[in-house]
Amino acid sequence: MPGRRTKRKRQRRSRSLNGSSPSRPRSSWTATATSTWSTPAFPDRRPAKHTLGCRRCSKAQSRKFSGTSELTGSVESNHCWVIAHRGAPRRYPENTLAGFDQALRFGCDGIEFDVQLSRDGIPVVYHDRTLARAGGGLRRVHQLDLAELRRLDAGTRFPAARRRHRIPTLDEVLDRLNGRTRLLVEIKTREGADAVERHRELATKVAQTVEGATQAWILGFDAGVLATVAGVAPGVPRVLNVRPLLPGLAGKLRRGAPQVVSADVRGLSAAFGRRVRRRGRSLWSFTCNTPRQVRTARDAGAAALISDCADWLAGQLGRAS
């Protein structure tokens, strides 16, 4: 047996050298250009779990968006809004004025950011449940006054930042962005003994502040919060954030009376998009960070794509400045 295997190996090597048999490719897949959006030169697989701000993720997103035929015919042929999720989280600390300024340079159609209430009743722009991202440990936004929040640095996870990034107030963000782009103001709701009253106060103050803005929408997962907004500022459009796989959509639409439904792209389907439109609402989608997610949202009929990678998405759509 060993002699036969050796003989067969010699015969294959001889045929290969004589050109009678083509050599086998070293990989089972190859990159082929099917259109102006070439196919990615790597197999589709789940991304590694790491932060969007790291260099490895930035390179991966660049490769995905620079070679994707999946977007052809869905994004190119039908205009949709590209919304920068929390500013420019891959380059600057999220929900900061510096991040919002960078997002304006992307050529996107709007900026989404989150609002919570400080202990002394000031709406501030911050997303997380705790202040760990800003160096405040496990404390919550509503446990500190504005003066205490000012002493924190929202850029602690960006060691390359050359200056401190303060947690801005809603008024400061509106002063910076109003009239320059569309504003998507999400009201963050958290659990707690006084959560209902605190959320009602936050919704009231946000609605009163945003009412005079040029182009602004108020977003939220809580239909009751949107109902409060409708009572305070009925002229401000409301957006209900939903998880498509969870029940109760009809009841939330009746209670919050939103004009738009923004659905998590994870679990989004064309059937869900049809349900939303049958009820007379527009469909948006979050958070669309990969070509596959963009395709899913567009196939469902989403009119706006909220993305952490708004710079890449806007660039592929020819809107980058």
C-alpha atoms as a PDB file:
ATOM      1  CA  MET A   1       0.000   0.000   0.000  1.00  0.00           C
ATOM      2  CA  PRO A   2       2.705   2.566   0.776  1.00  0.00           C
ATOM      3  CA  GLY A   3       4.298   1.867  -2.584  1.00  0.00           C
ATOM      4  CA  ARG A   4       1.041   2.434  -4.465  1.00  0.00           C
ATOM      5  CA  ARG A   5       0.392   5.784  -2.719  1.00  0.00           C
ATOM      6  CA  THR A   6       3.902   6.965  -3.569  1.00  0.00           C
ATOM      7  CA  LYS A   7       3.424   5.972  -7.208  1.00  0.00           C
ATOM      8  CA  ARG A   8       0.093   7.842  -7.449  1.00  0.00           C
ATOM      9  CA  LYS A   9       1.660  10.963  -5.921  1.00  0.00           C
ATOM     10  CA  ARG A  10       4.453  10.882  -8.502  1.00  0.00           C
ATOM     11  CA  GLN A  11       1.931  10.494 -11.342  1.00  0.00           C
ATOM     12  CA  ARG A  12      -0.143  13.493 -10.129  1.00  0.00           C
ATOM     13  CA  ARG A  13       2.986  15.628  -9.738  1.00  0.00           C
ATOM     14  CA  SER A  14       4.098  14.696 -13.268  1.00  0.00           C
ATOM     15  CA  ARG A  15       0.709  15.591 -14.811  1.00  0.00           C
ATOM     16  CA  SER A  16       0.694  18.924 -12.971  1.00  0.00           C
ATOM     17  CA  LEU A  17       4.159  19.837 -14.215  1.00  0.00           C
ATOM     18  CA  ASN A  18       3.226  18.915 -17.798  1.00  0.00           C
ATOM     19  CA  GLY A  19       0.156  21.166 -17.661  1.00  0.00           C
ATOM     20  CA  SER A  20      -2.310  18.351 -18.322  1.00  0.00           C
ATOM     21  CA  SER A  21      -4.240  18.949 -15.118  1.00  0.00           C
ATOM     22  CA  PRO A  22      -4.987  22.365 -13.602  1.00  0.00           C
ATOM     23  CA  SER A  23      -3.912  22.864 -10.052  1.00  0.00           C
ATOM     24  CA  ARG A  24      -6.654  22.961  -7.432  1.00  0.00           C
ATOM     25  CA  PRO A  25      -7.399  26.408  -5.972  1.00  0.00           C
ATOM     26  CA  ARG A  26      -6.156  26.907  -2.474  1.00  0.00           C
ATOM     27  CA  SER A  27      -9.578  28.041  -1.283  1.00  0.00           C
ATOM     28  CA  SER A  28     -13.105  26.884  -2.010  1.00  0.00           C
ATOM     29  CA  TRP A  29     -14.324  30.452  -2.650  1.00  0.00           C
ATOM     30  CA  THR A  30     -13.024  33.244  -4.837  1.00  0.00           C
ATOM     31  CA  ALA A  31     -13.898  36.906  -5.193  1.00  0.00           C
ATOM     32  CA  THR A  32     -15.823  37.799  -8.324  1.00  0.00           C
ATOM     33  CA  ALA A  33     -17.094  41.209  -9.326  1.00  0.00           C
ATOM     34  CA  THR A  34     -20.784  41.050 -10.244  1.00  0.00           C
ATOM     35  CA  SER A  35     -21.442  44.772 -10.484  1.00  0.00           C
ATOM     36  CA  THR A  36     -20.029  48.097  -9.465  1.00  0.00           C
ATOM     37  CA  TRP A  37     -20.479  46.767  -5.926  1.00  0.00           C
ATOM     38  CA  SER A  38     -18.046  43.817  -5.966  1.00  0.00           C
ATOM     39  CA  THR A  39     -18.637  40.724  -3.894  1.00  0.00           C
ATOM     40  CA  PRO A  40     -16.698  40.675  -0.607  1.00  0.00           C
ATOM     41  CA  ALA A  41     -13.413  38.771  -0.893  1.00  0.00           C
ATOM     42  CA  PHE A  42     -14.156  36.779   2.238  1.00  0.00           C
ATOM     43  CA  PRO A  43     -16.865  34.329   3.314  1.00  0.00           C
ATOM     44  CA  ASP A  44     -19.894  35.654   5.156  1.00  0.00           C
ATOM     45  CA  ARG A  45     -19.509  34.840   8.804  1.00  0.00           C
ATOM     46  CA  ARG A  46     -20.584  36.315  12.101  1.00  0.00           C
ATOM     47  CA  PRO A  47     -18.330  39.174  13.215  1.00  0.00           C
ATOM     48  CA  ALA A  48     -16.094  38.741  16.192  1.00  0.00           C
ATOM     49  CA  LYS A  49     -17.331  40.239  19.444  1.00  0.00           C
ATOM     50  CA  HIS A  50     -15.359  43.425  19.891  1.00  0.00           C
ATOM     51  CA  THR A  51     -16.116  47.106  20.160  1.00  0.00           C
ATOM     52  CA  LEU A  52     -16.939  49.226  17.159  1.00  0.00           C
ATOM     53  CA  GLY A  53     -14.310  51.763  18.134  1.00  0.00           C
ATOM     54  CA  CYS A  54     -11.381  49.398  17.716  1.00  0.00           C
ATOM     55  CA  ARG A  55      -9.079  49.349  14.701  1.00  0.00           C
ATOM     56  CA  ARG A  56      -9.937  45.754  13.838  1.00  0.00           C
ATOM     57  CA  CYS A  57     -13.670  46.531  13.597  1.00  0.00           C
ATOM     58  CA  SER A  58     -13.071  49.644  11.504  1.00  0.00           C
ATOM     59  CA  LYS A  59     -11.108  47.583   8.966  1.00  0.00           C
ATOM     60  CA  ALA A  60     -13.802  44.908   8.903  1.00  0.00           C
ATOM     61  CA  GLN A  61     -16.542  47.468   8.277  1.00  0.00           C
ATOM     62  CA  SER A  62     -14.442  49.066   5.543  1.00  0.00           C
ATOM     63  CA  ARG A  63     -14.088  45.717   3.741  1.00  0.00           C
ATOM     64  CA  LYS A  64     -17.787  44.920   4.090  1.00  0.00           C
ATOM     65  CA  PHE A  65     -19.039  48.225   2.777  1.00  0.00           C
ATOM     66  CA  SER A  66     -16.447  48.599   0.046  1.00  0.00           C
ATOM     67  CA  GLY A  67     -17.383  45.303  -1.566  1.00  0.00           C
ATOM     68  CA  THR A  68     -21.084  44.577  -1.360  1.00  0.00           C
ATOM     69  CA  SER A  69     -23.446  43.755  -4.162  1.00  0.00           C
ATOM     70  CA  GLU A  70     -26.180  43.148  -1.567  1.00  0.00           C
ATOM     71  CA  LEU A  71     -27.027  46.856  -1.455  1.00  0.00           C
ATOM     72  CA  THR A  72     -27.573  47.167  -5.195  1.00  0.00           C
ATOM     73  CA  GLY A  73     -31.211  47.622  -6.097  1.00  0.00           C
ATOM     74  CA  SER A  74     -32.388  48.270  -2.546  1.00  0.00           C
ATOM     75  CA  VAL A  75     -30.480  51.295  -1.310  1.00  0.00           C
ATOM     76  CA  GLU A  76     -29.184  52.727  -4.578  1.00  0.00           C
ATOM     77  CA  SER A  77     -32.523  52.732  -6.390  1.00  0.00           C
ATOM     78  CA  ASN A  78     -34.703  53.943  -3.495  1.00  0.00           C
ATOM     79  CA  HIS A  79     -33.723  56.938  -1.408  1.00  0.00           C
ATOM     80  CA  CYS A  80     -33.750  56.387   2.327  1.00  0.00           C
ATOM     81  CA  TRP A  81     -32.457  58.431   5.226  1.00  0.00           C
ATOM     82  CA  VAL A  82     -29.132  57.518   6.794  1.00  0.00           C
ATOM     83  CA  ILE A  83     -29.212  58.396  10.496  1.00  0.00           C
ATOM     84  CA  ALA A  84     -26.040  58.588  12.597  1.00  0.00           C
ATOM     85  CA  HIS A  85     -26.678  56.557  15.748  1.00  0.00           C
ATOM     86  CA  ARG A  86     -25.431  58.519  18.772  1.00  0.00           C
ATOM     87  CA  GLY A  87     -23.186  60.606  16.549  1.00  0.00           C
ATOM     88  CA  ALA A  88     -19.941  59.026  15.386  1.00  0.00           C
ATOM     89  CA  PRO A  89     -19.284  56.247  17.941  1.00  0.00           C
ATOM     90  CA  ARG A  90     -16.443  54.663  15.938  1.00  0.00           C
ATOM     91  CA  ARG A  91     -14.376  57.848  15.965  1.00  0.00           C
ATOM     92  CA  TYR A  92     -15.545  59.937  18.917  1.00  0.00           C
ATOM     93  CA  PRO A  93     -17.276  59.260  22.229  1.00  0.00           C
ATOM     94  CA  GLU A  94     -20.967  58.656  21.622  1.00  0.00           C
ATOM     95  CA  ASN A  95     -23.555  61.306  22.466  1.00  0.00           C
ATOM     96  CA  THR A  96     -20.994  64.111  22.662  1.00  0.00           C
ATOM     97  CA  LEU A  97     -20.817  67.423  20.832  1.00  0.00           C
ATOM     98  CA  ALA A  98     -17.569  66.370  19.145  1.00  0.00           C
ATOM     99  CA  GLY A  99     -19.224  63.191  17.900  1.00  0.00           C
ATOM    100  CA  PHE A 100     -22.212  65.129  16.581  1.00  0.00           C
ATOM    101  CA  ASP A 101     -19.945  67.580  14.767  1.00  0.00           C
ATOM    102  CA  GLN A 102     -18.192  64.649  13.105  1.00  0.00           C
ATOM    103  CA  ALA A 103     -21.525  63.086  12.123  1.00  0.00           C
ATOM    104  CA  LEU A 104     -22.480  66.278  10.294  1.00  0.00           C
ATOM    105  CA  ARG A 105     -19.467  65.739   8.018  1.00  0.00           C
ATOM    106  CA  PHE A 106     -20.668  62.273   7.015  1.00  0.00           C
ATOM    107  CA  GLY A 107     -23.353  63.594   4.693  1.00  0.00           C
ATOM    108  CA  CYS A 108     -26.039  61.690   6.612  1.00  0.00           C
ATOM    109  CA  ASP A 109     -29.653  62.805   6.903  1.00  0.00           C
ATOM    110  CA  GLY A 110     -29.977  63.050  10.666  1.00  0.00           C
ATOM    111  CA  ILE A 111     -28.518  62.287  14.089  1.00  0.00           C
ATOM    112  CA  GLU A 112     -30.038  60.133  16.823  1.00  0.00           C
ATOM    113  CA  PHE A 113     -29.197  60.667  20.491  1.00  0.00           C
ATOM    114  CA  ASP A 114     -30.508  59.694  23.929  1.00  0.00           C
ATOM    115  CA  VAL A 115     -31.828  61.839  26.762  1.00  0.00           C
ATOM    116  CA  GLN A 116     -32.117  61.176  30.496  1.00  0.00           C
ATOM    117  CA  LEU A 117     -32.981  63.388  33.459  1.00  0.00           C
ATOM    118  CA  SER A 118     -30.412  64.505  36.026  1.00  0.00           C
ATOM    119  CA  ARG A 119     -31.255  64.600  39.732  1.00  0.00           C
ATOM    120  CA  ASP A 120     -31.943  68.328  39.559  1.00  0.00           C
ATOM    121  CA  GLY A 121     -34.298  67.897  36.606  1.00  0.00           C
ATOM    122  CA  ILE A 122     -32.087  68.810  33.628  1.00  0.00           C
ATOM    123  CA  PRO A 123     -32.399  66.737  30.419  1.00  0.00           C
ATOM    124  CA  VAL A 124     -28.891  65.516  29.552  1.00  0.00           C
ATOM    125  CA  VAL A 125     -27.686  63.515  26.561  1.00  0.00           C
ATOM    126  CA  TYR A 126     -26.467  60.108  27.696  1.00  0.00           C
ATOM    127  CA  HIS A 127     -27.395  56.523  26.822  1.00  0.00           C
ATOM    128  CA  ASP A 128     -26.192  53.933  29.307  1.00  0.00           C
ATOM    129  CA  ARG A 129     -27.884  52.678  32.439  1.00  0.00           C
ATOM    130  CA  THR A 130     -24.809  53.528  34.534  1.00  0.00           C
ATOM    131  CA  LEU A 131     -22.132  56.198  34.277  1.00  0.00           C
ATOM    132  CA  ALA A 132     -19.270  53.702  33.924  1.00  0.00           C
ATOM    133  CA  ARG A 133     -18.597  54.840  30.354  1.00  0.00           C
ATOM    134  CA  ALA A 134     -17.966  58.345  31.685  1.00  0.00           C
ATOM    135  CA  GLY A 135     -15.863  57.261  34.644  1.00  0.00           C
ATOM    136  CA  GLY A 136     -18.737  57.531  37.104  1.00  0.00           C
ATOM    137  CA  GLY A 137     -18.864  53.904  38.181  1.00  0.00           C
ATOM    138  CA  LEU A 138     -22.233  52.265  38.769  1.00  0.00           C
ATOM    139  CA  ARG A 139     -24.055  55.474  39.611  1.00  0.00           C
ATOM    140  CA  ARG A 140     -27.062  56.472  37.490  1.00  0.00           C
ATOM    141  CA  VAL A 141     -27.691  59.761  35.711  1.00  0.00           C
ATOM    142  CA  HIS A 142     -30.711  60.545  37.900  1.00  0.00           C
ATOM    143  CA  GLN A 143     -28.572  60.132  41.029  1.00  0.00           C
ATOM    144  CA  LEU A 144     -26.306  63.099  40.194  1.00  0.00           C
ATOM    145  CA  ASP A 145     -26.919  66.805  39.694  1.00  0.00           C
ATOM    146  CA  LEU A 146     -25.843  68.486  36.474  1.00  0.00           C
ATOM    147  CA  ALA A 147     -22.805  70.037  38.176  1.00  0.00           C
ATOM    148  CA  GLU A 148     -21.618  66.572  39.213  1.00  0.00           C
ATOM    149  CA  LEU A 149     -22.234  65.155  35.746  1.00  0.00           C
ATOM    150  CA  ARG A 150     -20.156  67.989  34.286  1.00  0.00           C
ATOM    151  CA  ARG A 151     -17.100  66.723  36.146  1.00  0.00           C
ATOM    152  CA  LEU A 152     -17.228  63.363  34.384  1.00  0.00           C
ATOM    153  CA  ASP A 153     -15.496  62.572  31.098  1.00  0.00           C
ATOM    154  CA  ALA A 154     -17.609  60.824  28.457  1.00  0.00           C
ATOM    155  CA  GLY A 155     -14.422  59.999  26.544  1.00  0.00           C
ATOM    156  CA  THR A 156     -12.777  57.687  29.073  1.00  0.00           C
ATOM    157  CA  ARG A 157     -13.020  54.780  26.622  1.00  0.00           C
ATOM    158  CA  PHE A 158     -11.204  56.796  23.972  1.00  0.00           C
ATOM    159  CA  PRO A 159      -7.680  57.048  25.425  1.00  0.00           C
ATOM    160  CA  ALA A 160      -6.436  58.820  22.304  1.00  0.00           C
ATOM    161  CA  ALA A 161      -8.789  61.753  22.930  1.00  0.00           C
ATOM    162  CA  ARG A 162      -6.787  64.890  23.606  1.00  0.00           C
ATOM    163  CA  ARG A 163      -9.434  66.633  25.649  1.00  0.00           C
ATOM    164  CA  ARG A 164     -12.298  65.913  27.985  1.00  0.00           C
ATOM    165  CA  HIS A 165     -15.751  65.305  26.553  1.00  0.00           C
ATOM    166  CA  ARG A 166     -18.482  66.555  28.838  1.00  0.00           C
ATOM    167  CA  ILE A 167     -21.951  65.068  28.989  1.00  0.00           C
ATOM    168  CA  PRO A 168     -23.998  67.724  27.131  1.00  0.00           C
ATOM    169  CA  THR A 169     -27.459  68.959  27.999  1.00  0.00           C
ATOM    170  CA  LEU A 170     -30.348  68.735  25.561  1.00  0.00           C
ATOM    171  CA  ASP A 171     -30.343  72.528  25.227  1.00  0.00           C
ATOM    172  CA  GLU A 172     -26.667  72.515  24.232  1.00  0.00           C
ATOM    173  CA  VAL A 173     -27.231  69.861  21.580  1.00  0.00           C
ATOM    174  CA  LEU A 174     -30.191  71.727  20.111  1.00  0.00           C
ATOM    175  CA  ASP A 175     -28.178  74.960  20.053  1.00  0.00           C
ATOM    176  CA  ARG A 176     -25.453  73.126  18.119  1.00  0.00           C
ATOM    177  CA  LEU A 177     -27.567  71.061  15.699  1.00  0.00           C
ATOM    178  CA  ASN A 178     -30.973  72.677  15.238  1.00  0.00           C
ATOM    179  CA  GLY A 179     -31.501  73.711  11.636  1.00  0.00           C
ATOM    180  CA  ARG A 180     -28.420  71.818  10.440  1.00  0.00           C
ATOM    181  CA  THR A 181     -29.835  68.287  10.300  1.00  0.00           C
ATOM    182  CA  ARG A 182     -32.763  66.158  11.425  1.00  0.00           C
ATOM    183  CA  LEU A 183     -32.813  65.403  15.147  1.00  0.00           C
ATOM    184  CA  LEU A 184     -34.020  62.091  16.569  1.00  0.00           C
ATOM    185  CA  VAL A 185     -34.353  62.485  20.340  1.00  0.00           C
ATOM    186  CA  GLU A 186     -34.800  59.186  22.173  1.00  0.00           C
ATOM    187  CA  ILE A 187     -36.228  59.269  25.690  1.00  0.00           C
ATOM    188  CA  LYS A 188     -34.474  56.610  27.768  1.00  0.00           C
ATOM    189  CA  THR A 189     -36.703  54.852  30.287  1.00  0.00           C
ATOM    190  CA  ARG A 190     -35.256  52.957  33.252  1.00  0.00           C
ATOM    191  CA  GLU A 191     -36.694  50.923  36.090  1.00  0.00           C
ATOM    192  CA  GLY A 192     -36.992  52.243  39.616  1.00  0.00           C
ATOM    193  CA  ALA A 193     -39.388  53.080  42.421  1.00  0.00           C
ATOM    194  CA  ASP A 194     -40.146  56.527  41.005  1.00  0.00           C
ATOM    195  CA  ALA A 195     -39.638  55.566  37.359  1.00  0.00           C
ATOM    196  CA  VAL A 196     -43.151  56.422  36.157  1.00  0.00           C
ATOM    197  CA  GLU A 197     -43.102  59.932  37.597  1.00  0.00           C
ATOM    198  CA  ARG A 198     -39.522  60.523  36.450  1.00  0.00           C
ATOM    199  CA  HIS A 199     -40.338  59.385  32.909  1.00  0.00           C
ATOM    200  CA  ARG A 200     -43.393  61.637  32.796  1.00  0.00           C
ATOM    201  CA  GLU A 201     -41.285  64.606  33.886  1.00  0.00           C
ATOM    202  CA  LEU A 202     -38.589  63.772  31.333  1.00  0.00           C
ATOM    203  CA  ALA A 203     -41.117  63.372  28.509  1.00  0.00           C
ATOM    204  CA  THR A 204     -42.741  66.686  29.396  1.00  0.00           C
ATOM    205  CA  LYS A 205     -39.465  68.611  29.482  1.00  0.00           C
ATOM    206  CA  VAL A 206     -38.141  67.021  26.289  1.00  0.00           C
ATOM    207  CA  ALA A 207     -41.383  67.752  24.443  1.00  0.00           C
ATOM    208  CA  GLN A 208     -41.396  71.373  25.585  1.00  0.00           C
ATOM    209  CA  THR A 209     -37.748  71.814  24.595  1.00  0.00           C
ATOM    210  CA  VAL A 210     -37.981  70.084  21.222  1.00  0.00           C
ATOM    211  CA  GLU A 211     -41.288  71.689  20.232  1.00  0.00           C
ATOM    212  CA  GLY A 212     -39.564  74.719  18.746  1.00  0.00           C
ATOM    213  CA  ALA A 213     -36.923  72.756  16.830  1.00  0.00           C
ATOM    214  CA  THR A 214     -36.894  72.843  13.033  1.00  0.00           C
ATOM    215  CA  GLN A 215     -36.895  69.105  12.247  1.00  0.00           C
ATOM    216  CA  ALA A 216     -37.138  66.878  15.292  1.00  0.00           C
ATOM    217  CA  TRP A 217     -38.700  63.550  16.222  1.00  0.00           C
ATOM    218  CA  ILE A 218     -39.122  62.089  19.706  1.00  0.00           C
ATOM    219  CA  LEU A 219     -38.426  58.357  20.023  1.00  0.00           C
ATOM    220  CA  GLY A 220     -39.085  55.851  22.764  1.00  0.00           C
ATOM    221  CA  PHE A 221     -39.784  52.215  23.595  1.00  0.00           C
ATOM    222  CA  ASP A 222     -42.454  53.190  26.132  1.00  0.00           C
ATOM    223  CA  ALA A 223     -45.828  53.945  24.531  1.00  0.00           C
ATOM    224  CA  GLY A 224     -46.910  55.734  27.712  1.00  0.00           C
ATOM    225  CA  VAL A 225     -44.022  58.176  27.367  1.00  0.00           C
ATOM    226  CA  LEU A 226     -45.042  58.900  23.774  1.00  0.00           C
ATOM    227  CA  ALA A 227     -48.608  59.494  24.958  1.00  0.00           C
ATOM    228  CA  THR A 228     -47.276  62.112  27.380  1.00  0.00           C
ATOM    229  CA  VAL A 229     -45.355  63.747  24.537  1.00  0.00           C
ATOM    230  CA  ALA A 230     -48.518  63.817  22.425  1.00  0.00           C
ATOM    231  CA  GLY A 231     -50.382  65.604  25.198  1.00  0.00           C
ATOM    232  CA  VAL A 232     -47.665  68.214  25.747  1.00  0.00           C
ATOM    233  CA  ALA A 233     -46.530  68.843  22.154  1.00  0.00           C
ATOM    234  CA  PRO A 234     -48.938  67.219  19.678  1.00  0.00           C
ATOM    235  CA  GLY A 235     -47.126  68.834  16.752  1.00  0.00           C
ATOM    236  CA  VAL A 236     -43.874  66.959  17.415  1.00  0.00           C
ATOM    237  CA  PRO A 237     -43.830  63.642  15.494  1.00  0.00           C
ATOM    238  CA  ARG A 238     -43.388  60.519  17.603  1.00  0.00           C
ATOM    239  CA  VAL A 239     -41.479  57.318  16.831  1.00  0.00           C
ATOM    240  CA  LEU A 240     -42.177  54.034  18.618  1.00  0.00           C
ATOM    241  CA  ASN A 241     -39.116  51.799  18.985  1.00  0.00           C
ATOM    242  CA  VAL A 242     -40.019  48.103  18.895  1.00  0.00           C
ATOM    243  CA  ARG A 243     -38.567  44.604  18.842  1.00  0.00           C
ATOM    244  CA  PRO A 244     -40.407  42.925  15.949  1.00  0.00           C
ATOM    245  CA  LEU A 245     -40.476  39.507  17.605  1.00  0.00           C
ATOM    246  CA  LEU A 246     -42.268  40.763  20.730  1.00  0.00           C
ATOM    247  CA  PRO A 247     -46.093  40.912  20.842  1.00  0.00           C
ATOM    248  CA  GLY A 248     -48.302  43.909  21.614  1.00  0.00           C
ATOM    249  CA  LEU A 249     -47.670  46.185  18.636  1.00  0.00           C
ATOM    250  CA  ALA A 250     -51.339  47.089  18.125  1.00  0.00           C
ATOM    251  CA  GLY A 251     -51.821  48.144  21.745  1.00  0.00           C
ATOM    252  CA  LYS A 252     -48.671  50.266  21.735  1.00  0.00           C
ATOM    253  CA  LEU A 253     -49.760  52.012  18.543  1.00  0.00           C
ATOM    254  CA  ARG A 254     -53.135  52.858  20.075  1.00  0.00           C
ATOM    255  CA  ARG A 255     -51.598  54.188  23.272  1.00  0.00           C
ATOM    256  CA  GLY A 256     -48.625  56.119  21.937  1.00  0.00           C
ATOM    257  CA  ALA A 257     -50.187  57.180  18.610  1.00  0.00           C
ATOM    258  CA  PRO A 258     -46.811  57.349  16.834  1.00  0.00           C
ATOM    259  CA  GLN A 259     -46.441  58.384  13.224  1.00  0.00           C
ATOM    260  CA  VAL A 260     -43.409  56.104  12.752  1.00  0.00           C
ATOM    261  CA  VAL A 261     -42.391  52.635  13.934  1.00  0.00           C
ATOM    262  CA  SER A 262     -38.638  52.075  14.276  1.00  0.00           C
ATOM    263  CA  ALA A 263     -37.912  48.338  14.391  1.00  0.00           C
ATOM    264  CA  ASP A 264     -34.844  46.459  15.554  1.00  0.00           C
ATOM    265  CA  VAL A 265     -33.301  44.989  12.410  1.00  0.00           C
ATOM    266  CA  ARG A 266     -32.732  41.762  14.338  1.00  0.00           C
ATOM    267  CA  GLY A 267     -36.008  39.991  13.754  1.00  0.00           C
ATOM    268  CA  LEU A 268     -37.269  42.430  11.130  1.00  0.00           C
ATOM    269  CA  SER A 269     -39.065  40.933   8.130  1.00  0.00           C
ATOM    270  CA  ALA A 270     -40.989  42.057   5.079  1.00  0.00           C
ATOM    271  CA  ALA A 271     -44.173  40.755   6.724  1.00  0.00           C
ATOM    272  CA  PHE A 272     -43.618  43.022   9.728  1.00  0.00           C
ATOM    273  CA  GLY A 273     -43.054  45.969   7.414  1.00  0.00           C
ATOM    274  CA  ARG A 274     -46.384  45.270   5.724  1.00  0.00           C
ATOM    275  CA  ARG A 275     -48.117  45.153   9.127  1.00  0.00           C
ATOM    276  CA  VAL A 276     -46.734  48.574  10.007  1.00  0.00           C
ATOM    277  CA  ARG A 277     -47.752  50.153   6.713  1.00  0.00           C
ATOM    278  CA  ARG A 278     -51.234  48.646   6.851  1.00  0.00           C
ATOM    279  CA  ARG A 279     -51.694  50.578  10.080  1.00  0.00           C
ATOM    280  CA  GLY A 280     -50.722  53.796   8.361  1.00  0.00           C
ATOM    281  CA  ARG A 281     -47.240  54.184   9.844  1.00  0.00           C
ATOM    282  CA  SER A 282     -43.840  54.657   8.268  1.00  0.00           C
ATOM    283  CA  LEU A 283     -41.106  52.130   9.030  1.00  0.00           C
ATOM    284  CA  TRP A 284     -37.558  52.894  10.177  1.00  0.00           C
ATOM    285  CA  SER A 285     -34.948  50.407  11.361  1.00  0.00           C
ATOM    286  CA  PHE A 286     -32.063  50.239  13.860  1.00  0.00           C
ATOM    287  CA  THR A 287     -29.185  49.453  14.158  1.00  0.00           C
ATOM    288  CA  CYS A 288     -28.055  48.684  10.587  1.00  0.00           C
ATOM    289  CA  ASN A 289     -24.305  48.122  10.768  1.00  0.00           C
ATOM    290  CA  THR A 290     -23.677  45.461   8.110  1.00  0.00           C
ATOM    291  CA  PRO A 291     -24.663  45.019   4.463  1.00  0.00           C
ATOM    292  CA  ARG A 292     -26.925  42.117   5.390  1.00  0.00           C
ATOM    293  CA  GLN A 293     -28.751  44.235   7.980  1.00  0.00           C
ATOM    294  CA  VAL A 294     -29.142  47.066   5.482  1.00  0.00           C
ATOM    295  CA  ARG A 295     -30.604  44.668   2.946  1.00  0.00           C
ATOM    296  CA  THR A 296     -33.005  43.255   5.551  1.00  0.00           C
ATOM    297  CA  ALA A 297     -34.225  46.731   6.463  1.00  0.00           C
ATOM    298  CA  ARG A 298     -34.661  47.819   2.858  1.00  0.00           C
ATOM    299  CA  ASP A 299     -36.459  44.598   1.929  1.00  0.00           C
ATOM    300  CA  ALA A 300     -38.879  45.347   4.769  1.00  0.00           C
ATOM    301  CA  GLY A 301     -39.477  48.811   3.305  1.00  0.00           C
ATOM    302  CA  ALA A 302     -37.586  50.916   5.857  1.00  0.00           C
ATOM    303  CA  ALA A 303     -37.489  54.600   4.944  1.00  0.00           C
ATOM    304  CA  ALA A 304     -34.663  55.391   7.389  1.00  0.00           C
ATOM    305  CA  LEU A 305     -31.621  53.394   8.470  1.00  0.00           C
ATOM    306  CA  ILE A 306     -30.118  54.180  11.870  1.00  0.00           C
ATOM    307  CA  SER A 307     -26.488  53.076  11.928  1.00  0.00           C
ATOM    308  CA  ASP A 308     -23.302  53.204  13.978  1.00  0.00           C
ATOM    309  CA  CYS A 309     -21.516  53.173  10.602  1.00  0.00           C
ATOM    310  CA  ALA A 310     -23.287  56.149   9.063  1.00  0.00           C
ATOM    311  CA  ASP A 311     -20.057  57.382   7.498  1.00  0.00           C
ATOM    312  CA  TRP A 312     -19.583  54.181   5.484  1.00  0.00           C
ATOM    313  CA  LEU A 313     -23.234  53.907   4.572  1.00  0.00           C
ATOM    314  CA  ALA A 314     -23.511  57.534   3.484  1.00  0.00           C
ATOM    315  CA  GLY A 315     -20.291  57.149   1.514  1.00  0.00           C
ATOM    316  CA  GLN A 316     -21.623  54.168  -0.398  1.00  0.00           C
ATOM    317  CA  LEU A 317     -24.747  56.144  -1.208  1.00  0.00           C
ATOM    318  CA  GLY A 318     -22.668  59.016  -2.564  1.00  0.00           C
ATOM    319  CA  ARG A 319     -23.613  61.470   0.171  1.00  0.00           C
ATOM    320  CA  ALA A 320     -20.305  61.833   1.978  1.00  0.00           C
ATOM    321  CA  SER A 321     -18.951  65.356   1.851  1.00  0.00           C
END
